[in-house]
Amino acid sequence: MESKNDSTQSSFLRFFNDKKKKLFLCFTLFFIIVFLLLSFYVVDSSPKSWDLLVSQELQEDQSEILDILMKGFSWLGTVYVAAAIVPAFALIFLLFSYKKEALFTFSCLMSGGVSYVLKILIDRPRPTTDFVRIVEETHHQSFPSGHVLFYTAFFGTLIVIALFSNILKLSLKIIISLVCLAMIVLGAVSRIYLGAHWFTDVIGGFIVGVLFVMVTGSIYLRSKKRSVFA
């Protein structure tokens, strides 16, 4: 027979889990609504005042060294490099018998398909030399930024794995999280500096990337929790 204390504890856990589910749904709906509004905002393809302002600020101080650095940060998000990095990290996790982490990391490859579909649907042109300095020639549609979407998905995945790791110390978790966050920011900045994207493209890529990590991350954490209590 269940004691009063056990009953209270069980009720509290149910309430806590229900609250987490509600928060998850609220944040998911919030990001979806923001992305939809942003999509409608940019669909007429003309650069917005925010876009022009941010591009001008980031391209104000130009140099060959800065061009090389920004191309370097951007290079990590190219299709071929991303297609090599993701399986490599997944394989490392697999070699150390972290199967769930390997699968979670490997799922980042799906972000490319998500990016392609959204670009086709929204069909926003890239920035042109009429408005910005084009350092790196790019093709295909502009919104959302596929680079930023991938950076957010991949490095966001690494953050989730690090934060919920049972073997990493708190200091190492913080360091890994900060490095990954820095890579997301630098990747976003590089795309605007290189004239490959508008500011609104980058924000769109970040939002979809966050949604991607929220969905795949929730699946990963649930599977991780099940294995603990199995």
Protein backbone atom coordinates (compact mmCIF):
# COMPACT_ATOMS: atom_id res chain seq x y z
CA MET A 1 0.00 0.00 0.00
CA GLU A 2 1.39 3.43 -0.96
CA SER A 3 2.28 5.65 2.00
CA LYS A 4 1.18 9.27 2.27
CA ASN A 5 4.79 10.46 1.79
CA ASP A 6 5.22 8.37 -1.37
CA SER A 7 1.92 9.66 -2.70
CA THR A 8 2.96 13.29 -2.09
CA GLN A 9 6.32 12.71 -3.75
CA SER A 10 4.69 11.05 -6.74
CA SER A 11 2.21 13.93 -7.10
CA PHE A 12 5.06 16.46 -6.95
CA LEU A 13 7.03 14.61 -9.65
CA ARG A 14 3.96 14.49 -11.91
CA PHE A 15 3.38 18.22 -11.38
CA PHE A 16 7.05 18.98 -12.07
CA ASN A 17 7.04 16.89 -15.26
CA ASP A 18 3.77 18.46 -16.42
CA LYS A 19 5.21 21.92 -15.80
CA LYS A 20 8.32 21.10 -17.84
CA LYS A 21 6.16 19.82 -20.70
CA LYS A 22 4.08 23.01 -20.64
CA LEU A 23 7.20 25.19 -20.66
CA PHE A 24 8.63 23.16 -23.54
CA LEU A 25 5.41 23.59 -25.56
CA CYS A 26 5.25 27.31 -24.77
CA PHE A 27 8.83 27.93 -25.89
CA THR A 28 8.32 25.80 -29.00
CA LEU A 29 5.18 27.72 -29.99
CA PHE A 30 6.92 31.02 -29.24
CA PHE A 31 9.87 30.26 -31.54
CA ILE A 32 7.58 28.93 -34.28
CA ILE A 33 5.42 32.06 -34.18
CA VAL A 34 8.48 34.35 -34.20
CA PHE A 35 9.93 32.48 -37.18
CA LEU A 36 6.65 32.67 -39.10
CA LEU A 37 6.34 36.40 -38.44
CA LEU A 38 9.95 36.92 -39.50
CA SER A 39 9.34 34.88 -42.66
CA PHE A 40 6.38 37.07 -43.63
CA TYR A 41 8.47 40.14 -42.79
CA VAL A 42 11.26 39.24 -45.24
CA VAL A 43 9.20 37.56 -47.95
CA ASP A 44 9.10 40.69 -50.15
CA SER A 45 12.89 40.19 -50.54
CA SER A 46 13.89 43.85 -50.01
CA PRO A 47 16.61 44.52 -47.37
CA LYS A 48 15.21 45.90 -44.13
CA SER A 49 16.59 48.80 -42.13
CA TRP A 50 17.93 46.36 -39.52
CA ASP A 51 19.68 44.40 -42.27
CA LEU A 52 21.38 47.42 -43.76
CA LEU A 53 22.39 48.84 -40.37
CA VAL A 54 23.97 45.62 -39.08
CA SER A 55 25.76 44.93 -42.39
CA GLN A 56 27.18 48.46 -42.48
CA GLU A 57 28.40 48.21 -38.88
CA LEU A 58 30.07 44.83 -39.35
CA GLN A 59 31.65 45.77 -42.68
CA GLU A 60 32.83 49.17 -41.50
CA ASP A 61 36.29 47.93 -40.42
CA GLN A 62 37.68 45.78 -43.22
CA SER A 63 41.07 44.13 -43.64
CA GLU A 64 42.59 41.13 -45.39
CA ILE A 65 43.26 39.43 -42.06
CA LEU A 66 39.64 39.89 -40.97
CA ASP A 67 38.46 38.58 -44.34
CA ILE A 68 40.54 35.42 -43.86
CA LEU A 69 39.34 34.93 -40.28
CA MET A 70 35.70 35.34 -41.22
CA LYS A 71 36.09 32.98 -44.18
CA GLY A 72 37.62 30.47 -41.76
CA PHE A 73 34.67 30.64 -39.35
CA SER A 74 32.27 30.39 -42.29
CA TRP A 75 34.16 27.45 -43.84
CA LEU A 76 33.22 25.19 -40.92
CA GLY A 77 29.57 25.48 -41.92
CA THR A 78 29.96 24.56 -45.60
CA VAL A 79 28.10 21.44 -46.76
CA TYR A 80 31.17 19.23 -47.29
CA VAL A 81 32.86 20.22 -44.05
CA ALA A 82 29.65 19.82 -42.04
CA ALA A 83 29.08 16.42 -43.67
CA ALA A 84 32.53 15.38 -42.42
CA ILE A 85 32.48 16.95 -38.94
CA VAL A 86 29.15 15.48 -37.81
CA PRO A 87 29.96 11.80 -38.60
CA ALA A 88 33.45 12.30 -37.11
CA PHE A 89 32.05 13.47 -33.76
CA ALA A 90 29.38 10.76 -33.85
CA LEU A 91 32.07 8.14 -34.47
CA ILE A 92 34.13 9.42 -31.52
CA PHE A 93 31.11 9.06 -29.23
CA LEU A 94 30.43 5.61 -30.66
CA LEU A 95 34.01 4.45 -30.08
CA PHE A 96 33.61 5.31 -26.39
CA SER A 97 30.28 3.44 -26.29
CA TYR A 98 28.11 6.58 -26.07
CA LYS A 99 25.50 5.37 -28.56
CA LYS A 100 22.78 7.86 -27.62
CA GLU A 101 25.22 10.79 -27.89
CA ALA A 102 26.42 9.47 -31.26
CA LEU A 103 22.87 9.29 -32.61
CA PHE A 104 22.01 12.72 -31.18
CA THR A 105 25.06 14.23 -32.87
CA PHE A 106 24.42 12.40 -36.16
CA SER A 107 20.88 13.85 -36.25
CA CYS A 108 22.45 17.27 -36.93
CA LEU A 109 22.80 16.23 -40.56
CA MET A 110 19.02 16.60 -40.88
CA SER A 111 19.40 20.35 -40.30
CA GLY A 112 20.68 20.64 -43.88
CA GLY A 113 17.44 19.22 -45.25
CA VAL A 114 15.39 21.54 -43.03
CA SER A 115 17.40 24.52 -44.26
CA TYR A 116 16.98 23.54 -47.94
CA VAL A 117 13.20 23.15 -47.68
CA LEU A 118 12.74 26.49 -45.89
CA LYS A 119 14.96 28.31 -48.38
CA ILE A 120 12.93 26.97 -51.30
CA LEU A 121 9.61 27.87 -49.65
CA ILE A 122 10.58 31.44 -48.68
CA ASP A 123 12.81 32.10 -51.72
CA ARG A 124 14.58 35.25 -50.54
CA PRO A 125 17.49 36.49 -52.72
CA ARG A 126 21.01 36.96 -51.38
CA PRO A 127 22.44 40.43 -50.59
CA THR A 128 23.83 42.22 -53.64
CA THR A 129 26.70 44.63 -54.25
CA ASP A 130 24.15 47.45 -54.46
CA PHE A 131 23.89 47.33 -50.67
CA VAL A 132 26.86 45.44 -49.20
CA ARG A 133 30.44 44.37 -49.90
CA ILE A 134 30.42 40.78 -51.16
CA VAL A 135 33.55 39.03 -49.84
CA GLU A 136 32.34 35.49 -50.50
CA GLU A 137 30.19 34.58 -53.50
CA THR A 138 27.21 32.41 -52.53
CA HIS A 139 24.35 30.69 -54.29
CA HIS A 140 20.81 29.53 -53.58
CA GLN A 141 18.28 31.37 -51.45
CA SER A 142 19.15 33.50 -48.44
CA PHE A 143 16.54 32.90 -45.71
CA PRO A 144 17.17 31.31 -43.30
CA SER A 145 20.96 31.10 -43.06
CA GLY A 146 21.90 27.43 -43.47
CA HIS A 147 25.31 28.04 -41.88
CA VAL A 148 23.80 29.54 -38.73
CA LEU A 149 21.13 26.84 -38.58
CA PHE A 150 23.83 24.16 -38.71
CA TYR A 151 26.09 25.96 -36.22
CA THR A 152 23.19 26.30 -33.78
CA ALA A 153 22.10 22.68 -34.26
CA PHE A 154 25.60 21.18 -34.03
CA PHE A 155 27.15 23.28 -31.30
CA GLY A 156 23.82 23.40 -29.46
CA THR A 157 23.84 19.59 -29.49
CA LEU A 158 27.33 19.55 -27.99
CA ILE A 159 26.17 21.98 -25.28
CA VAL A 160 23.25 19.71 -24.34
CA ILE A 161 25.52 16.65 -24.22
CA ALA A 162 28.08 18.48 -22.08
CA LEU A 163 25.57 19.97 -19.64
CA PHE A 164 23.83 16.64 -19.02
CA SER A 165 27.02 14.60 -18.87
CA ASN A 166 27.62 12.53 -15.73
CA ILE A 167 31.40 12.47 -16.09
CA LEU A 168 32.33 16.08 -16.85
CA LYS A 169 33.16 18.52 -14.08
CA LEU A 170 31.14 21.73 -13.81
CA SER A 171 34.11 23.86 -14.91
CA LEU A 172 34.56 21.78 -18.07
CA LYS A 173 30.83 21.93 -18.82
CA ILE A 174 31.00 25.74 -18.62
CA ILE A 175 34.10 25.93 -20.83
CA ILE A 176 32.59 23.66 -23.51
CA SER A 177 29.31 25.60 -23.45
CA LEU A 178 31.06 28.97 -23.77
CA VAL A 179 33.26 27.77 -26.64
CA CYS A 180 30.22 26.37 -28.48
CA LEU A 181 28.23 29.58 -27.91
CA ALA A 182 31.18 31.60 -29.22
CA MET A 183 31.27 29.46 -32.37
CA ILE A 184 27.56 30.06 -32.99
CA VAL A 185 27.98 33.82 -32.60
CA LEU A 186 31.16 34.00 -34.69
CA GLY A 187 29.56 31.87 -37.40
CA ALA A 188 26.60 34.25 -37.53
CA VAL A 189 28.81 37.35 -37.60
CA SER A 190 30.99 35.89 -40.36
CA ARG A 191 28.02 35.35 -42.67
CA ILE A 192 26.95 38.99 -42.40
CA TYR A 193 30.53 40.32 -42.65
CA LEU A 194 31.16 38.28 -45.81
CA GLY A 195 28.02 39.71 -47.41
CA ALA A 196 26.47 36.24 -47.70
CA HIS A 197 23.44 36.98 -45.53
CA TRP A 198 21.31 39.69 -44.03
CA PHE A 199 20.85 40.04 -40.28
CA THR A 200 17.28 38.71 -40.54
CA ASP A 201 18.59 35.61 -42.37
CA VAL A 202 20.93 34.92 -39.47
CA ILE A 203 18.17 35.38 -36.87
CA GLY A 204 15.94 33.01 -38.86
CA GLY A 205 18.68 30.38 -38.98
CA PHE A 206 19.29 30.71 -35.25
CA ILE A 207 15.59 30.31 -34.40
CA VAL A 208 15.20 27.17 -36.53
CA GLY A 209 18.45 25.82 -35.07
CA VAL A 210 17.14 26.32 -31.53
CA LEU A 211 13.88 24.56 -32.45
CA PHE A 212 15.88 21.71 -33.97
CA VAL A 213 17.93 21.24 -30.79
CA MET A 214 14.82 21.49 -28.63
CA VAL A 215 13.15 18.64 -30.51
CA THR A 216 16.16 16.34 -30.92
CA GLY A 217 17.45 17.25 -27.45
CA SER A 218 14.16 16.34 -25.77
CA ILE A 219 14.24 12.92 -27.48
CA TYR A 220 17.86 12.41 -26.39
CA LEU A 221 17.19 13.39 -22.77
CA ARG A 222 14.12 11.17 -22.54
CA SER A 223 16.09 8.18 -23.85
CA LYS A 224 18.93 9.00 -21.45
CA LYS A 225 16.48 9.18 -18.53
CA ARG A 226 14.89 5.86 -19.48
CA SER A 227 18.28 4.12 -19.52
CA VAL A 228 19.05 5.47 -16.03
CA PHE A 229 15.82 4.18 -14.52
CA ALA A 230 15.72 0.94 -16.52
